[in-house]
Amino acid sequence: MDFIRNFPFFSIIICMFSGIITSVLSGKKARNLCIGAVSIVTILSACVLFYTMQTNVSFIYMMGHFPAPWGNEIRAGILEGVLATVFSLILLLSLVSAYHRTEEDIEATKLNLFYLLIDLLLSSLLAIIYTNDLFTAYVFVEINTIAACGLIMIRQKGRTFGAALRYMVMSLIGSGLFLIGLSLLYTLTGHLLMSPAKEAMAKIIATDSYHMPVLIVLVLMSIGLAIKSGLYPFHSWMPDAYSYSTASASAVLSGLVSKAYIILLIKIIYRVVGIDFIVTSKMMNVLFVFGLVGMIMGSLNAILEKDIRRMIAYSSVAQIGYIYMGIGLGVEQGYVAAVYHILHHAATKALLFISVVGLSNVSGGSKLFPDLRGAGYRHRSAGVAFAVGSFSMVGLPTLSGFISKYLFATAAMSASPKKVFLTLVVLAVSTILNAIYFIHTVVTIYTPAEEEKPEFERHHWREKPWVAFSLLLFIALNFALGVFSQPIVDLITRGLQMFG
């Protein structure tokens, strides 16, 4: 069983080597290799999760077998296992369910580049999840940024270059702030490994000798990661990036990439600065307020949109707000709710973006609401999938969205009285706004068109059996997160207790 301790390292290396080999393969062979590599990584991640559940302790893998504080470390526990398994599974389903559409959107000579970027993206996501070294985390944050930028612009249709440029500029600003904070942290503690850095930070905080520098480090890192994850008002890159990417790229960018930076922030809070300092820090109040504002403004912008993919993108702005609101509560239940919402949003947004492509395909390629009338009948599996995803985002019972909102509401009860009132009010308002634009969209796609246009014919995408099966698995994952929420919440709670 101890051999499983190598699996986090194997997962990262498999993705990186798959990317190297993919670069010299043809499109079809590159696709098969990428899907095979992601499948293997999903299995390895599930083994890590099972192992840590059985042992109930996290373990450290020393790179090159050099001990701290000189070596580079990978650290895996229950939470890392959950995140790696779910992220790998969602990426796999996103690739399988839309790969034929990817081949239509991208030039044949560049297909291998697309799958190379997917491999790099997954390796960086896994490295951010598993690493116990801050500088390694920064390196893979940049790899993640470059891969994401490439996925946005590789389609070369619409405003992809402008979207990629805007994404790159905002990401580099965030990365710069994070790197400055990391440099200051190293100056204060003399460590880049998280565990030794936490010990040094605990001594500094106990003596209160560098209170302001520590606060500045926290502020710089938090703002940098907030910008990269798209927290309102740093969200301007989201609508174009998600609207003009390929179907699978939009699903991955919305569901996984933005969440990786939030996971890194939670890791820094637990493993470096310490939860006690965070509770007394005013920075949590700032994140809490920005999260609340994002929940409302993202939904209001979504209501005003006439383009369905941009509407879903603005909905992601609101959902990022939910996560930061949970972190800003400053209580353990808030972090549990935030991590659960990461899983819910990753599964649901991928489902929505994949299903929207099917609805658009049978509507002449249009993403405008008037043209989508009756699309749910023209593409039945995509219509059902979109309806399930929409109901989950609204918070229908038995679906993951309902559990997520419930966890945030109960977490607020453990926070300060002012935060209790604000959280419950904004949750209620945000849920109503969610219902307005998602239910309206579901009604639209199931309202028969007054006149069927000749180009609105059934698209061959519907006839692919693996597409319907992938959408069915997405739906099943959403129900599983809702129906079996208590065991999942228990795993997240145990994982966070190991996280420190």
Protein backbone atom coordinates (compact mmCIF):
# COMPACT_ATOMS: atom_id res chain seq x y z
CA MET A 1 0.00 0.00 0.00
CA ASP A 2 2.91 2.40 0.64
CA PHE A 3 3.66 2.31 -3.08
CA ILE A 4 0.54 4.47 -3.51
CA ARG A 5 2.49 7.33 -1.95
CA ASN A 6 4.23 7.67 -5.31
CA PHE A 7 0.95 8.19 -7.17
CA PRO A 8 0.68 12.00 -6.79
CA PHE A 9 4.15 12.36 -8.31
CA PHE A 10 3.33 9.80 -11.01
CA SER A 11 0.15 11.70 -11.89
CA ILE A 12 2.01 14.96 -12.49
CA ILE A 13 4.81 13.28 -14.46
CA ILE A 14 2.41 11.24 -16.62
CA CYS A 15 0.66 14.42 -17.73
CA MET A 16 3.93 16.19 -18.48
CA PHE A 17 5.39 13.29 -20.48
CA SER A 18 2.08 12.84 -22.28
CA GLY A 19 2.32 16.48 -23.34
CA ILE A 20 5.87 15.99 -24.65
CA ILE A 21 4.87 12.96 -26.72
CA THR A 22 1.62 14.59 -27.86
CA SER A 23 3.57 17.45 -29.45
CA VAL A 24 4.90 15.16 -32.21
CA LEU A 25 1.74 13.11 -32.83
CA SER A 26 -1.13 13.62 -35.26
CA GLY A 27 -4.44 14.98 -34.00
CA LYS A 28 -6.22 11.64 -33.51
CA LYS A 29 -3.24 9.95 -31.85
CA ALA A 30 -2.68 13.00 -29.65
CA ARG A 31 -6.33 12.89 -28.59
CA ASN A 32 -6.19 9.18 -27.72
CA LEU A 33 -2.96 9.61 -25.75
CA CYS A 34 -4.32 12.60 -23.84
CA ILE A 35 -7.58 10.86 -22.96
CA GLY A 36 -5.63 7.76 -21.94
CA ALA A 37 -3.29 9.78 -19.72
CA VAL A 38 -6.19 11.62 -18.05
CA SER A 39 -7.95 8.29 -17.47
CA ILE A 40 -4.86 6.85 -15.78
CA VAL A 41 -4.47 9.97 -13.64
CA THR A 42 -8.12 9.72 -12.57
CA ILE A 43 -7.56 6.15 -11.39
CA LEU A 44 -4.32 7.06 -9.58
CA SER A 45 -6.06 10.01 -7.88
CA ALA A 46 -8.91 7.73 -6.74
CA CYS A 47 -6.31 5.34 -5.27
CA VAL A 48 -4.71 8.24 -3.35
CA LEU A 49 -8.13 9.20 -2.00
CA PHE A 50 -8.90 5.63 -0.94
CA TYR A 51 -5.47 5.25 0.70
CA THR A 52 -5.74 8.46 2.73
CA MET A 53 -9.28 7.57 3.79
CA GLN A 54 -8.01 4.23 5.11
CA THR A 55 -4.96 5.62 6.90
CA ASN A 56 -6.72 8.86 8.00
CA VAL A 57 -3.41 10.75 7.83
CA SER A 58 -1.73 12.83 5.16
CA PHE A 59 1.65 11.78 3.81
CA ILE A 60 4.67 13.60 2.37
CA TYR A 61 6.61 12.55 -0.72
CA MET A 62 10.11 14.05 -0.76
CA MET A 63 11.33 14.95 -4.25
CA GLY A 64 14.81 13.50 -4.61
CA HIS A 65 14.51 12.28 -1.00
CA PHE A 66 16.00 15.48 0.38
CA PRO A 67 14.41 16.29 3.76
CA ALA A 68 12.98 19.66 4.76
CA PRO A 69 13.84 22.46 4.64
CA TRP A 70 16.05 21.85 1.56
CA GLY A 71 13.94 19.45 -0.46
CA ASN A 72 10.79 19.85 -2.51
CA GLU A 73 7.72 18.13 -1.13
CA ILE A 74 4.42 16.74 -2.29
CA ARG A 75 1.80 16.39 0.41
CA ALA A 76 -1.40 14.39 0.01
CA GLY A 77 -4.35 13.93 2.31
CA ILE A 78 -8.06 13.29 1.97
CA LEU A 79 -8.83 16.75 0.60
CA GLU A 80 -6.09 16.54 -2.02
CA GLY A 81 -7.40 13.13 -3.05
CA VAL A 82 -10.96 14.40 -3.39
CA LEU A 83 -9.92 17.43 -5.44
CA ALA A 84 -7.54 15.52 -7.72
CA THR A 85 -10.10 12.77 -8.38
CA VAL A 86 -13.00 15.12 -9.12
CA PHE A 87 -10.90 17.50 -11.23
CA SER A 88 -9.43 14.65 -13.30
CA LEU A 89 -12.85 13.08 -13.80
CA ILE A 90 -14.43 16.35 -14.91
CA LEU A 91 -11.58 17.02 -17.33
CA LEU A 92 -11.94 13.52 -18.76
CA LEU A 93 -15.70 13.87 -19.26
CA SER A 94 -15.23 17.32 -20.81
CA LEU A 95 -12.75 15.96 -23.34
CA VAL A 96 -14.81 12.91 -24.28
CA SER A 97 -18.14 14.69 -24.58
CA ALA A 98 -16.91 17.42 -26.92
CA TYR A 99 -13.84 16.13 -28.74
CA HIS A 100 -15.61 15.94 -32.13
CA ARG A 101 -16.64 19.58 -31.70
CA THR A 102 -13.04 20.41 -30.79
CA GLU A 103 -11.89 18.86 -34.05
CA GLU A 104 -14.34 21.07 -35.94
CA ASP A 105 -13.30 24.27 -34.16
CA ILE A 106 -9.53 23.82 -34.37
CA GLU A 107 -7.33 23.40 -37.43
CA ALA A 108 -6.20 19.82 -37.94
CA THR A 109 -2.54 20.84 -37.74
CA LYS A 110 -3.09 22.35 -34.28
CA LEU A 111 -5.08 19.57 -32.64
CA ASN A 112 -1.98 18.05 -31.06
CA LEU A 113 -1.17 21.48 -29.61
CA PHE A 114 -4.63 21.61 -28.02
CA TYR A 115 -4.12 18.27 -26.28
CA LEU A 116 -0.59 19.26 -25.28
CA LEU A 117 -2.09 22.30 -23.52
CA ILE A 118 -4.66 20.06 -21.82
CA ASP A 119 -1.86 17.83 -20.51
CA LEU A 120 0.06 20.83 -19.19
CA LEU A 121 -3.10 22.22 -17.64
CA LEU A 122 -3.87 19.03 -15.74
CA SER A 123 -0.27 18.61 -14.59
CA SER A 124 -0.31 22.17 -13.22
CA LEU A 125 -3.68 21.65 -11.52
CA LEU A 126 -2.41 18.50 -9.82
CA ALA A 127 0.84 20.17 -8.81
CA ILE A 128 -1.03 23.09 -7.23
CA ILE A 129 -3.26 20.62 -5.36
CA TYR A 130 -0.42 18.39 -4.13
CA THR A 131 2.62 20.63 -3.67
CA ASN A 132 3.87 21.59 -0.24
CA ASP A 133 6.34 24.11 -1.66
CA LEU A 134 5.34 27.72 -2.32
CA PHE A 135 7.76 28.40 -5.16
CA THR A 136 6.76 25.18 -6.92
CA ALA A 137 3.17 26.33 -6.57
CA TYR A 138 4.09 29.65 -8.20
CA VAL A 139 5.87 27.92 -11.09
CA PHE A 140 2.86 25.74 -11.83
CA VAL A 141 0.51 28.71 -11.44
CA GLU A 142 2.38 30.27 -14.36
CA ILE A 143 2.28 27.03 -16.36
CA ASN A 144 -1.44 26.92 -15.66
CA THR A 145 -1.83 30.50 -16.89
CA ILE A 146 0.09 29.89 -20.11
CA ALA A 147 -1.83 26.69 -20.86
CA ALA A 148 -5.18 28.39 -20.18
CA CYS A 149 -4.24 31.33 -22.40
CA GLY A 150 -3.31 28.94 -25.20
CA LEU A 151 -6.64 27.12 -24.88
CA ILE A 152 -8.51 30.42 -25.22
CA MET A 153 -6.74 31.57 -28.38
CA ILE A 154 -6.23 28.26 -30.19
CA ARG A 155 -9.70 28.33 -31.74
CA GLN A 156 -8.84 31.53 -33.66
CA LYS A 157 -12.46 32.53 -34.19
CA GLY A 158 -14.33 35.58 -33.00
CA ARG A 159 -12.43 37.69 -30.48
CA THR A 160 -10.20 34.91 -29.19
CA PHE A 161 -6.97 36.88 -29.44
CA GLY A 162 -8.47 39.83 -27.58
CA ALA A 163 -9.92 37.49 -24.95
CA ALA A 164 -6.58 35.73 -24.53
CA LEU A 165 -4.71 39.02 -24.26
CA ARG A 166 -7.10 40.34 -21.61
CA TYR A 167 -6.83 37.09 -19.69
CA MET A 168 -3.03 37.18 -19.87
CA VAL A 169 -2.79 40.79 -18.68
CA MET A 170 -5.08 40.22 -15.70
CA SER A 171 -3.36 36.94 -14.83
CA LEU A 172 0.10 38.51 -14.96
CA ILE A 173 -1.03 41.29 -12.63
CA GLY A 174 -2.28 38.66 -10.22
CA SER A 175 0.88 36.58 -10.60
CA GLY A 176 3.05 39.65 -9.99
CA LEU A 177 1.27 40.49 -6.75
CA PHE A 178 1.47 36.87 -5.62
CA LEU A 179 5.22 36.72 -6.39
CA ILE A 180 5.88 39.93 -4.46
CA GLY A 181 4.00 38.48 -1.49
CA LEU A 182 5.95 35.24 -1.82
CA SER A 183 9.26 37.14 -1.85
CA LEU A 184 8.30 39.05 1.29
CA LEU A 185 7.21 35.81 2.97
CA TYR A 186 10.59 34.22 2.19
CA THR A 187 12.32 37.31 3.59
CA LEU A 188 10.34 36.98 6.83
CA THR A 189 10.54 33.22 7.32
CA GLY A 190 13.54 32.03 5.30
CA HIS A 191 11.50 29.09 4.01
CA LEU A 192 9.56 28.14 0.89
CA LEU A 193 8.27 24.80 2.14
CA MET A 194 4.88 25.42 3.73
CA SER A 195 5.34 23.49 6.98
CA PRO A 196 8.65 25.14 8.04
CA ALA A 197 7.26 28.50 6.88
CA LYS A 198 4.26 28.01 9.16
CA GLU A 199 6.49 27.28 12.15
CA ALA A 200 8.51 30.43 11.50
CA MET A 201 5.33 32.43 10.90
CA ALA A 202 3.85 31.20 14.18
CA LYS A 203 6.87 32.55 16.09
CA ILE A 204 6.63 35.90 14.30
CA ILE A 205 2.92 36.21 15.02
CA ALA A 206 3.39 35.14 18.65
CA THR A 207 5.93 37.89 19.28
CA ASP A 208 3.90 40.40 17.20
CA SER A 209 7.20 41.69 15.84
CA TYR A 210 6.26 41.91 12.17
CA HIS A 211 2.49 42.32 12.28
CA MET A 212 2.25 44.76 9.36
CA PRO A 213 4.65 42.86 7.03
CA VAL A 214 2.73 39.64 7.67
CA LEU A 215 -0.53 41.42 6.90
CA ILE A 216 0.97 42.84 3.70
CA VAL A 217 2.05 39.35 2.64
CA LEU A 218 -1.48 38.06 3.19
CA VAL A 219 -3.03 41.00 1.33
CA LEU A 220 -0.72 40.68 -1.69
CA MET A 221 -1.19 36.94 -2.01
CA SER A 222 -4.95 37.14 -1.49
CA ILE A 223 -5.46 39.92 -4.02
CA GLY A 224 -3.17 38.25 -6.55
CA LEU A 225 -5.05 34.94 -6.36
CA ALA A 226 -8.42 36.75 -6.29
CA ILE A 227 -7.54 38.49 -9.58
CA LYS A 228 -6.48 35.22 -11.18
CA SER A 229 -9.63 33.41 -10.05
CA GLY A 230 -11.94 36.15 -11.38
CA LEU A 231 -13.37 37.61 -8.18
CA TYR A 232 -15.52 40.67 -8.88
CA PRO A 233 -14.47 43.32 -10.00
CA PHE A 234 -11.46 41.51 -11.53
CA HIS A 235 -13.72 39.43 -13.77
CA SER A 236 -13.61 41.39 -17.03
CA TRP A 237 -11.69 38.63 -18.85
CA MET A 238 -14.26 35.92 -18.06
CA PRO A 239 -17.13 36.53 -20.54
CA ASP A 240 -14.97 36.64 -23.67
CA ALA A 241 -12.62 33.88 -22.51
CA TYR A 242 -15.48 31.46 -21.86
CA SER A 243 -17.56 32.54 -24.87
CA TYR A 244 -14.97 32.12 -27.62
CA SER A 245 -13.12 29.03 -26.39
CA THR A 246 -13.94 25.52 -27.55
CA ALA A 247 -16.61 23.64 -25.61
CA SER A 248 -14.19 21.48 -23.61
CA ALA A 249 -11.86 24.44 -22.98
CA SER A 250 -14.74 26.55 -21.62
CA ALA A 251 -15.78 23.71 -19.33
CA VAL A 252 -12.24 23.28 -18.02
CA LEU A 253 -11.48 27.00 -17.68
CA SER A 254 -14.69 27.74 -15.79
CA GLY A 255 -14.90 24.57 -13.74
CA LEU A 256 -11.27 23.90 -12.83
CA VAL A 257 -8.71 26.60 -13.60
CA SER A 258 -10.25 29.40 -11.54
CA LYS A 259 -10.71 27.02 -8.61
CA ALA A 260 -7.05 26.01 -8.51
CA TYR A 261 -6.06 29.49 -7.38
CA ILE A 262 -8.67 29.44 -4.62
CA ILE A 263 -7.38 26.06 -3.46
CA LEU A 264 -3.88 27.55 -3.27
CA LEU A 265 -5.22 30.46 -1.21
CA ILE A 266 -6.91 28.05 1.23
CA LYS A 267 -3.68 26.07 1.41
CA ILE A 268 -1.72 29.23 2.28
CA ILE A 269 -4.27 30.16 4.95
CA TYR A 270 -4.11 26.74 6.62
CA ARG A 271 -0.48 25.74 6.08
CA VAL A 272 1.45 29.00 6.08
CA VAL A 273 -0.20 31.95 7.80
CA GLY A 274 -2.43 30.00 10.15
CA ILE A 275 -6.18 30.10 10.61
CA ASP A 276 -5.96 32.03 13.91
CA PHE A 277 -4.24 35.01 12.31
CA ILE A 278 -6.71 34.90 9.45
CA VAL A 279 -9.65 35.13 11.83
CA THR A 280 -8.30 38.32 13.41
CA SER A 281 -7.20 39.76 10.07
CA LYS A 282 -9.31 42.44 8.42
CA MET A 283 -8.42 40.86 5.09
CA MET A 284 -11.11 38.25 5.68
CA ASN A 285 -13.71 40.97 5.98
CA VAL A 286 -12.53 42.43 2.68
CA LEU A 287 -12.83 39.08 0.91
CA PHE A 288 -16.24 38.60 2.53
CA VAL A 289 -17.54 41.93 1.20
CA PHE A 290 -16.13 41.40 -2.29
CA GLY A 291 -17.66 37.92 -2.31
CA LEU A 292 -21.10 39.30 -1.44
CA VAL A 293 -20.84 42.01 -4.10
CA GLY A 294 -19.73 39.44 -6.68
CA MET A 295 -22.71 37.21 -5.88
CA ILE A 296 -25.11 40.04 -6.74
CA MET A 297 -23.29 41.80 -9.57
CA GLY A 298 -22.44 38.58 -11.40
CA SER A 299 -26.10 37.55 -11.36
CA LEU A 300 -27.32 41.00 -12.45
CA ASN A 301 -24.93 40.96 -15.41
CA ALA A 302 -26.10 37.45 -16.29
CA ILE A 303 -29.72 38.60 -16.36
CA LEU A 304 -28.86 41.36 -18.86
CA GLU A 305 -27.02 39.04 -21.26
CA LYS A 306 -28.56 37.92 -24.57
CA ASP A 307 -25.79 35.40 -25.30
CA ILE A 308 -26.20 32.11 -23.42
CA ARG A 309 -22.48 31.39 -23.04
CA ARG A 310 -21.78 34.89 -21.74
CA MET A 311 -24.69 34.46 -19.35
CA ILE A 312 -23.09 31.31 -17.94
CA ALA A 313 -19.75 33.14 -17.72
CA TYR A 314 -21.28 35.92 -15.64
CA SER A 315 -22.93 33.26 -13.50
CA SER A 316 -19.41 31.99 -12.78
CA VAL A 317 -18.54 35.46 -11.46
CA ALA A 318 -21.39 35.08 -8.97
CA GLN A 319 -20.29 31.57 -7.99
CA ILE A 320 -16.71 32.71 -7.37
CA GLY A 321 -18.30 35.28 -5.06
CA TYR A 322 -19.97 32.46 -3.11
CA ILE A 323 -16.61 30.80 -2.50
CA TYR A 324 -14.90 33.97 -1.30
CA MET A 325 -17.88 34.78 0.88
CA GLY A 326 -17.47 31.38 2.56
CA ILE A 327 -13.75 31.98 3.09
CA GLY A 328 -14.50 35.46 4.43
CA LEU A 329 -16.79 34.07 7.12
CA GLY A 330 -13.60 33.11 8.94
CA VAL A 331 -14.99 29.89 10.42
CA GLU A 332 -14.21 26.26 9.66
CA GLN A 333 -17.74 25.60 8.38
CA GLY A 334 -17.24 28.42 5.89
CA TYR A 335 -14.15 26.73 4.44
CA VAL A 336 -16.03 23.41 4.24
CA ALA A 337 -18.84 25.15 2.36
CA ALA A 338 -16.34 26.88 0.07
CA VAL A 339 -14.58 23.62 -0.84
CA TYR A 340 -17.90 21.85 -1.40
CA HIS A 341 -18.98 24.74 -3.64
CA ILE A 342 -15.76 24.31 -5.63
CA LEU A 343 -16.75 20.69 -6.33
CA HIS A 344 -20.36 21.62 -7.10
CA HIS A 345 -19.42 24.46 -9.41
CA ALA A 346 -16.75 22.45 -11.21
CA ALA A 347 -19.21 19.65 -12.01
CA THR A 348 -22.17 21.89 -12.83
CA LYS A 349 -20.45 24.54 -14.96
CA ALA A 350 -18.71 21.90 -17.06
CA LEU A 351 -22.13 20.29 -17.61
CA LEU A 352 -23.67 23.62 -18.62
CA PHE A 353 -20.94 24.62 -21.08
CA ILE A 354 -20.89 21.19 -22.75
CA SER A 355 -24.68 21.07 -23.09
CA VAL A 356 -24.86 24.64 -24.42
CA VAL A 357 -22.69 23.65 -27.38
CA GLY A 358 -25.23 20.99 -28.31
CA LEU A 359 -28.10 23.45 -28.04
CA SER A 360 -26.20 25.95 -30.16
CA ASN A 361 -25.34 23.33 -32.80
CA VAL A 362 -29.02 22.61 -33.48
CA SER A 363 -29.77 26.35 -33.57
CA GLY A 364 -27.64 27.27 -36.54
CA GLY A 365 -24.60 27.83 -34.33
CA SER A 366 -26.32 30.79 -32.65
CA LYS A 367 -25.90 31.49 -28.94
CA LEU A 368 -28.65 34.14 -28.80
CA PHE A 369 -31.79 33.38 -26.82
CA PRO A 370 -34.32 34.01 -29.64
CA ASP A 371 -32.59 31.42 -31.82
CA LEU A 372 -32.47 28.85 -29.01
CA ARG A 373 -36.25 28.50 -28.80
CA GLY A 374 -37.11 24.82 -29.07
CA ALA A 375 -33.46 23.71 -28.90
CA GLY A 376 -34.29 21.36 -26.02
CA TYR A 377 -36.50 19.35 -28.38
CA ARG A 378 -34.00 19.40 -31.23
CA HIS A 379 -31.22 18.08 -28.99
CA ARG A 380 -32.89 16.17 -26.18
CA SER A 381 -29.84 15.00 -24.20
CA ALA A 382 -28.30 18.50 -24.20
CA GLY A 383 -31.65 20.01 -23.20
CA VAL A 384 -32.07 17.66 -20.24
CA ALA A 385 -28.43 18.19 -19.19
CA PHE A 386 -28.78 21.97 -19.31
CA ALA A 387 -32.02 21.82 -17.31
CA VAL A 388 -30.41 19.69 -14.60
CA GLY A 389 -27.40 22.02 -14.43
CA SER A 390 -29.66 25.07 -14.24
CA PHE A 391 -31.80 23.60 -11.47
CA SER A 392 -28.64 22.73 -9.57
CA MET A 393 -27.35 26.30 -9.85
CA VAL A 394 -30.68 27.60 -8.57
CA GLY A 395 -30.59 25.18 -5.64
CA LEU A 396 -33.23 22.52 -6.29
CA PRO A 397 -33.23 19.86 -3.51
CA THR A 398 -31.33 16.59 -4.19
CA LEU A 399 -28.91 18.49 -6.45
CA SER A 400 -25.48 19.73 -5.37
CA GLY A 401 -26.45 23.43 -5.58
CA PHE A 402 -29.04 23.04 -2.84
CA ILE A 403 -26.50 21.49 -0.47
CA SER A 404 -23.98 24.21 -1.26
CA LYS A 405 -26.39 27.02 -0.37
CA TYR A 406 -27.46 25.15 2.77
CA LEU A 407 -23.84 24.78 3.89
CA PHE A 408 -23.19 28.49 3.42
CA ALA A 409 -26.30 29.37 5.41
CA THR A 410 -25.38 27.07 8.31
CA ALA A 411 -21.76 28.26 8.24
CA ALA A 412 -22.97 31.84 8.60
CA MET A 413 -24.63 30.91 11.88
CA SER A 414 -21.19 30.34 13.40
CA ALA A 415 -19.82 33.68 12.20
CA SER A 416 -20.23 37.15 13.72
CA PRO A 417 -23.82 38.51 13.99
CA LYS A 418 -23.27 41.11 11.25
CA LYS A 419 -22.04 38.46 8.84
CA VAL A 420 -25.00 36.20 9.66
CA PHE A 421 -27.53 38.80 8.53
CA LEU A 422 -25.60 39.86 5.42
CA THR A 423 -24.92 36.29 4.33
CA LEU A 424 -28.53 35.13 4.64
CA VAL A 425 -29.93 38.19 2.88
CA VAL A 426 -27.46 38.03 -0.02
CA LEU A 427 -27.92 34.27 -0.33
CA ALA A 428 -31.66 34.76 -0.67
CA VAL A 429 -31.32 37.60 -3.19
CA SER A 430 -28.70 35.73 -5.20
CA THR A 431 -30.86 32.61 -5.33
CA ILE A 432 -33.79 34.63 -6.68
CA LEU A 433 -31.53 36.20 -9.31
CA ASN A 434 -30.17 32.74 -10.23
CA ALA A 435 -33.69 31.52 -10.72
CA ILE A 436 -34.58 34.48 -12.95
CA TYR A 437 -31.95 33.85 -15.60
CA PHE A 438 -31.58 30.08 -15.41
CA ILE A 439 -35.29 29.26 -15.32
CA HIS A 440 -35.86 31.78 -18.11
CA THR A 441 -33.26 29.99 -20.21
CA VAL A 442 -34.77 26.55 -19.53
CA VAL A 443 -38.20 27.87 -20.49
CA THR A 444 -36.72 29.35 -23.67
CA ILE A 445 -35.09 26.14 -24.90
CA TYR A 446 -38.35 24.25 -24.27
CA THR A 447 -40.61 26.82 -25.90
CA PRO A 448 -41.32 25.68 -29.48
CA ALA A 449 -40.05 28.06 -32.12
CA GLU A 450 -42.73 29.89 -34.06
CA GLU A 451 -41.02 28.90 -37.30
CA GLU A 452 -38.32 26.27 -37.63
CA LYS A 453 -35.46 27.58 -39.75
CA PRO A 454 -34.01 25.14 -42.32
CA GLU A 455 -30.52 25.39 -40.81
CA PHE A 456 -31.87 24.38 -37.38
CA GLU A 457 -31.52 20.70 -38.16
CA ARG A 458 -30.43 17.95 -35.84
CA HIS A 459 -26.67 18.03 -35.54
CA HIS A 460 -24.57 14.86 -35.76
CA TRP A 461 -23.26 15.61 -32.25
CA ARG A 462 -26.53 14.32 -30.80
CA GLU A 463 -26.09 10.99 -32.54
CA LYS A 464 -22.78 10.20 -30.86
CA PRO A 465 -23.57 7.70 -28.08
CA TRP A 466 -20.58 8.62 -25.93
CA VAL A 467 -21.74 12.25 -25.82
CA ALA A 468 -25.09 11.34 -24.30
CA PHE A 469 -23.30 8.92 -21.95
CA SER A 470 -20.84 11.64 -20.85
CA LEU A 471 -23.70 14.05 -20.20
CA LEU A 472 -25.44 11.32 -18.23
CA LEU A 473 -22.30 10.87 -16.11
CA PHE A 474 -22.17 14.63 -15.51
CA ILE A 475 -25.81 14.54 -14.37
CA ALA A 476 -25.09 11.51 -12.17
CA LEU A 477 -22.12 13.32 -10.61
CA ASN A 478 -24.34 16.28 -9.78
CA PHE A 479 -26.95 14.09 -8.15
CA ALA A 480 -24.25 12.13 -6.32
CA LEU A 481 -22.84 15.34 -4.83
CA GLY A 482 -26.35 16.22 -3.67
CA VAL A 483 -27.71 12.86 -2.51
CA PHE A 484 -24.48 11.69 -0.85
CA SER A 485 -23.55 15.14 0.41
CA GLN A 486 -23.04 14.16 4.06
CA PRO A 487 -20.22 11.65 3.41
CA ILE A 488 -18.62 14.16 1.04
CA VAL A 489 -18.89 16.97 3.61
CA ASP A 490 -17.38 14.63 6.21
CA LEU A 491 -14.47 13.91 3.85
CA ILE A 492 -13.92 17.63 3.26
CA THR A 493 -14.01 18.30 7.01
CA ARG A 494 -11.49 15.55 7.70
CA GLY A 495 -9.38 16.75 4.81
CA LEU A 496 -9.28 20.33 6.10
CA GLN A 497 -8.27 19.06 9.55
CA MET A 498 -5.31 17.31 7.88
CA PHE A 499 -4.62 20.33 5.70
CA GLY A 500 -2.87 22.29 8.39
